[in-house]
Amino acid sequence: MKILSYRVILKKEQDRGYTAIVPSLPGCITYGENLEQTMIMVKEAIELYIESLKAHDEPIILPMHCKDEL
């Protein structure tokens, strides 16, 4: 099994917490109340996103740094 590493952008929110965005996966966005929770949430969001792609027989979107390796 190949491990894929996606770039995650973390944005500190004004009130509290962090928003995590995965640019390579359109619409893959999540939120956590602290950095630890945000990282857990974004890993789960990526896993669910890829599971959904597989369930719908859609191609898995590879991180930009992997595209040259194919």
Protein backbone atom coordinates (compact mmCIF):
# COMPACT_ATOMS: atom_id res chain seq x y z
CA MET A 1 0.00 0.00 0.00
CA LYS A 2 1.35 3.42 -0.96
CA ILE A 3 1.20 6.15 1.66
CA LEU A 4 0.08 9.50 0.27
CA SER A 5 1.03 12.78 1.94
CA TYR A 6 -1.21 15.75 1.28
CA ARG A 7 -0.31 19.36 1.99
CA VAL A 8 -2.56 20.83 4.68
CA ILE A 9 -3.06 24.54 5.26
CA LEU A 10 -3.90 25.47 8.85
CA LYS A 11 -5.65 28.74 9.56
CA LYS A 12 -5.90 30.02 13.13
CA GLU A 13 -9.39 31.32 13.73
CA GLN A 14 -10.00 34.61 15.58
CA ASP A 15 -12.27 33.22 18.28
CA ARG A 16 -10.45 29.92 18.83
CA GLY A 17 -9.41 26.79 17.03
CA TYR A 18 -8.04 26.04 13.60
CA THR A 19 -9.44 25.38 10.15
CA ALA A 20 -7.59 22.79 8.05
CA ILE A 21 -7.80 22.87 4.24
CA VAL A 22 -6.42 20.23 1.87
CA PRO A 23 -5.88 22.10 -1.44
CA SER A 24 -5.40 18.92 -3.53
CA LEU A 25 -8.82 17.61 -2.43
CA PRO A 26 -11.49 20.18 -3.36
CA GLY A 27 -13.92 20.71 -0.50
CA CYS A 28 -11.81 18.79 2.04
CA ILE A 29 -12.00 21.21 4.96
CA THR A 30 -12.34 20.58 8.67
CA TYR A 31 -12.05 22.34 12.02
CA GLY A 32 -10.59 21.57 15.43
CA GLU A 33 -10.53 23.41 18.74
CA ASN A 34 -6.73 23.00 19.04
CA LEU A 35 -3.84 21.86 16.83
CA GLU A 36 -3.90 18.27 18.08
CA GLN A 37 -7.63 17.88 17.43
CA THR A 38 -7.35 19.65 14.06
CA MET A 39 -4.65 17.22 12.88
CA ILE A 40 -6.77 14.24 13.94
CA MET A 41 -9.79 15.71 12.16
CA VAL A 42 -7.92 16.44 8.92
CA LYS A 43 -6.46 12.92 8.76
CA GLU A 44 -9.96 11.52 9.14
CA ALA A 45 -11.33 13.95 6.53
CA ILE A 46 -8.68 12.85 4.01
CA GLU A 47 -9.40 9.16 4.68
CA LEU A 48 -13.17 9.67 4.24
CA TYR A 49 -12.63 11.74 1.09
CA ILE A 50 -10.55 8.96 -0.49
CA GLU A 51 -13.06 6.30 0.63
CA SER A 52 -15.80 8.29 -1.06
CA LEU A 53 -13.80 8.51 -4.30
CA LYS A 54 -13.30 4.73 -4.23
CA ALA A 55 -16.98 4.06 -3.46
CA HIS A 56 -18.02 6.15 -6.47
CA ASP A 57 -15.38 4.63 -8.78
CA GLU A 58 -13.72 8.02 -9.18
CA PRO A 59 -9.96 8.41 -9.58
CA ILE A 60 -7.98 9.11 -6.43
CA ILE A 61 -6.53 12.60 -6.51
CA LEU A 62 -2.80 12.35 -5.90
CA PRO A 63 -0.79 15.00 -4.08
CA MET A 64 1.09 17.29 -6.47
CA HIS A 65 4.51 15.87 -5.56
CA CYS A 66 3.37 12.33 -6.50
CA LYS A 67 2.09 13.10 -9.99
CA ASP A 68 5.56 13.09 -11.54
CA GLU A 69 6.27 9.63 -10.08
CA LEU A 70 3.51 7.84 -12.00
